[in-house]
C-alpha cells in the first residue's frame, strides 16, 4: 500500500469540508484481492475551505 504525505490544509488553518467517494466496494466483499487482479476499488477524496 502506498502512503501519501499530503497537506490537506492547503489554504492554511481553519475549517474545511471533505467528501469521500468510493467505487467498487462490492466487488470483493470479503476484502481480499489477489495482487494479480486489477485494482477493484477506487477512491476520490475532495477537500475545500468551509464558507464563512
N, C-alpha and C. Protein backbone atom coordinates (compact mmCIF):
# COMPACT_ATOMS: atom_id res chain seq x y z
N UNK A 1 0.84 -1.16 0.00
CA UNK A 1 0.00 0.00 0.00
C UNK A 1 0.90 1.23 0.00
N UNK A 2 0.57 2.19 -0.86
CA UNK A 2 1.32 3.43 -0.91
C UNK A 2 0.78 4.40 0.13
N UNK A 3 1.69 5.15 0.73
CA UNK A 3 1.31 6.16 1.70
C UNK A 3 1.67 7.51 1.11
N UNK A 4 0.72 8.42 1.13
CA UNK A 4 0.94 9.76 0.59
C UNK A 4 0.96 10.76 1.73
N UNK A 5 1.96 11.61 1.76
CA UNK A 5 2.06 12.65 2.77
C UNK A 5 1.60 13.96 2.13
N UNK A 6 0.31 14.25 2.24
CA UNK A 6 -0.29 15.41 1.58
C UNK A 6 -0.87 16.34 2.64
N UNK A 7 -0.59 17.63 2.50
CA UNK A 7 -1.15 18.63 3.40
C UNK A 7 -2.53 19.02 2.87
N UNK A 8 -3.59 18.52 3.50
CA UNK A 8 -4.95 18.83 3.05
C UNK A 8 -5.39 20.23 3.45
N UNK A 9 -4.65 20.86 4.36
CA UNK A 9 -4.98 22.23 4.78
C UNK A 9 -4.25 23.22 3.87
N UNK A 10 -4.48 23.11 2.57
CA UNK A 10 -3.75 23.89 1.58
C UNK A 10 -4.02 25.38 1.69
N UNK A 11 -5.13 25.79 2.30
CA UNK A 11 -5.46 27.21 2.44
C UNK A 11 -5.13 27.71 3.84
N UNK A 12 -4.35 26.96 4.60
CA UNK A 12 -3.97 27.37 5.94
C UNK A 12 -4.92 26.82 6.99
N UNK A 13 -4.72 27.25 8.24
CA UNK A 13 -5.58 26.77 9.33
C UNK A 13 -7.03 27.20 9.13
N UNK A 14 -7.93 26.44 9.69
CA UNK A 14 -9.35 26.79 9.61
C UNK A 14 -10.21 25.56 9.42
N UNK A 15 -11.48 25.81 9.12
CA UNK A 15 -12.44 24.73 8.90
C UNK A 15 -12.48 24.34 7.43
N UNK A 16 -12.62 23.03 7.21
CA UNK A 16 -12.68 22.50 5.85
C UNK A 16 -13.87 21.56 5.72
N UNK A 17 -14.34 21.38 4.53
CA UNK A 17 -15.34 20.37 4.20
C UNK A 17 -14.61 19.27 3.43
N UNK A 18 -15.08 18.04 3.63
CA UNK A 18 -14.46 16.92 2.92
C UNK A 18 -15.55 16.01 2.36
N UNK A 19 -15.23 15.41 1.24
CA UNK A 19 -16.13 14.43 0.60
C UNK A 19 -15.27 13.25 0.16
N UNK A 20 -15.73 12.06 0.48
CA UNK A 20 -15.05 10.84 0.05
C UNK A 20 -16.01 10.04 -0.81
N UNK A 21 -15.57 9.69 -2.00
CA UNK A 21 -16.36 8.87 -2.91
C UNK A 21 -15.61 7.56 -3.14
N UNK A 22 -16.31 6.45 -3.01
CA UNK A 22 -15.71 5.13 -3.23
C UNK A 22 -16.50 4.40 -4.31
N UNK A 23 -15.76 3.73 -5.20
CA UNK A 23 -16.38 2.95 -6.27
C UNK A 23 -15.76 1.57 -6.26
N UNK A 24 -16.57 0.53 -6.42
CA UNK A 24 -16.07 -0.83 -6.49
C UNK A 24 -16.02 -1.55 -5.16
N UNK A 25 -16.65 -1.00 -4.13
CA UNK A 25 -16.59 -1.59 -2.79
C UNK A 25 -17.27 -2.96 -2.75
N UNK A 26 -18.23 -3.23 -3.60
CA UNK A 26 -18.96 -4.50 -3.57
C UNK A 26 -18.32 -5.62 -4.38
N UNK A 27 -17.23 -5.34 -5.06
CA UNK A 27 -16.61 -6.35 -5.93
C UNK A 27 -15.96 -7.46 -5.10
N UNK A 28 -15.24 -7.10 -4.04
CA UNK A 28 -14.60 -8.08 -3.16
C UNK A 28 -15.12 -7.86 -1.74
N UNK A 29 -16.33 -8.33 -1.45
CA UNK A 29 -16.93 -8.02 -0.14
C UNK A 29 -16.15 -8.60 1.05
N UNK A 30 -15.34 -9.62 0.81
CA UNK A 30 -14.55 -10.17 1.92
C UNK A 30 -13.27 -9.37 2.16
N UNK A 31 -13.00 -8.38 1.31
CA UNK A 31 -11.83 -7.52 1.49
C UNK A 31 -10.54 -8.12 0.99
N UNK A 32 -10.60 -9.27 0.34
CA UNK A 32 -9.39 -9.94 -0.14
C UNK A 32 -9.31 -9.78 -1.65
N UNK A 33 -8.17 -9.31 -2.10
CA UNK A 33 -7.94 -9.16 -3.53
C UNK A 33 -6.54 -9.65 -3.84
N UNK A 34 -6.44 -10.52 -4.82
CA UNK A 34 -5.14 -11.05 -5.22
C UNK A 34 -4.33 -9.94 -5.90
N UNK A 35 -3.01 -9.97 -5.70
CA UNK A 35 -2.16 -8.95 -6.32
C UNK A 35 -2.20 -9.00 -7.84
N UNK A 36 -2.51 -10.16 -8.39
CA UNK A 36 -2.55 -10.30 -9.84
C UNK A 36 -3.82 -9.72 -10.46
N UNK A 37 -4.83 -9.44 -9.63
CA UNK A 37 -6.09 -8.88 -10.12
C UNK A 37 -5.97 -7.37 -10.29
N UNK A 38 -6.70 -6.83 -11.27
CA UNK A 38 -6.68 -5.37 -11.40
C UNK A 38 -7.33 -4.72 -10.17
N UNK A 39 -6.95 -3.50 -9.90
CA UNK A 39 -7.49 -2.78 -8.74
C UNK A 39 -9.00 -2.66 -8.88
N UNK A 40 -9.72 -3.10 -7.84
CA UNK A 40 -11.18 -3.12 -7.89
C UNK A 40 -11.80 -1.88 -7.26
N UNK A 41 -11.13 -1.31 -6.26
CA UNK A 41 -11.69 -0.17 -5.54
C UNK A 41 -10.96 1.11 -5.94
N UNK A 42 -11.73 2.16 -6.11
CA UNK A 42 -11.19 3.47 -6.47
C UNK A 42 -11.78 4.49 -5.51
N UNK A 43 -10.96 5.45 -5.10
CA UNK A 43 -11.39 6.46 -4.14
C UNK A 43 -11.09 7.85 -4.65
N UNK A 44 -11.97 8.78 -4.31
CA UNK A 44 -11.77 10.19 -4.61
C UNK A 44 -12.01 10.96 -3.33
N UNK A 45 -11.00 11.68 -2.86
CA UNK A 45 -11.12 12.49 -1.65
C UNK A 45 -11.00 13.94 -2.08
N UNK A 46 -12.03 14.74 -1.73
CA UNK A 46 -12.04 16.15 -2.06
C UNK A 46 -12.07 16.95 -0.76
N UNK A 47 -11.31 18.04 -0.71
CA UNK A 47 -11.30 18.93 0.45
C UNK A 47 -11.32 20.36 -0.04
N UNK A 48 -12.08 21.22 0.66
CA UNK A 48 -12.14 22.63 0.32
C UNK A 48 -12.42 23.43 1.58
N UNK A 49 -11.99 24.68 1.62
CA UNK A 49 -12.25 25.52 2.80
C UNK A 49 -13.75 25.71 2.99
N UNK A 50 -14.18 25.66 4.25
CA UNK A 50 -15.59 25.88 4.57
C UNK A 50 -15.91 27.36 4.37
N UNK A 51 -17.09 27.63 3.88
CA UNK A 51 -17.53 29.01 3.72
C UNK A 51 -17.77 29.69 5.06
N UNK A 52 -17.63 30.98 5.10
CA UNK A 52 -17.86 31.70 6.36
C UNK A 52 -19.25 32.31 6.40
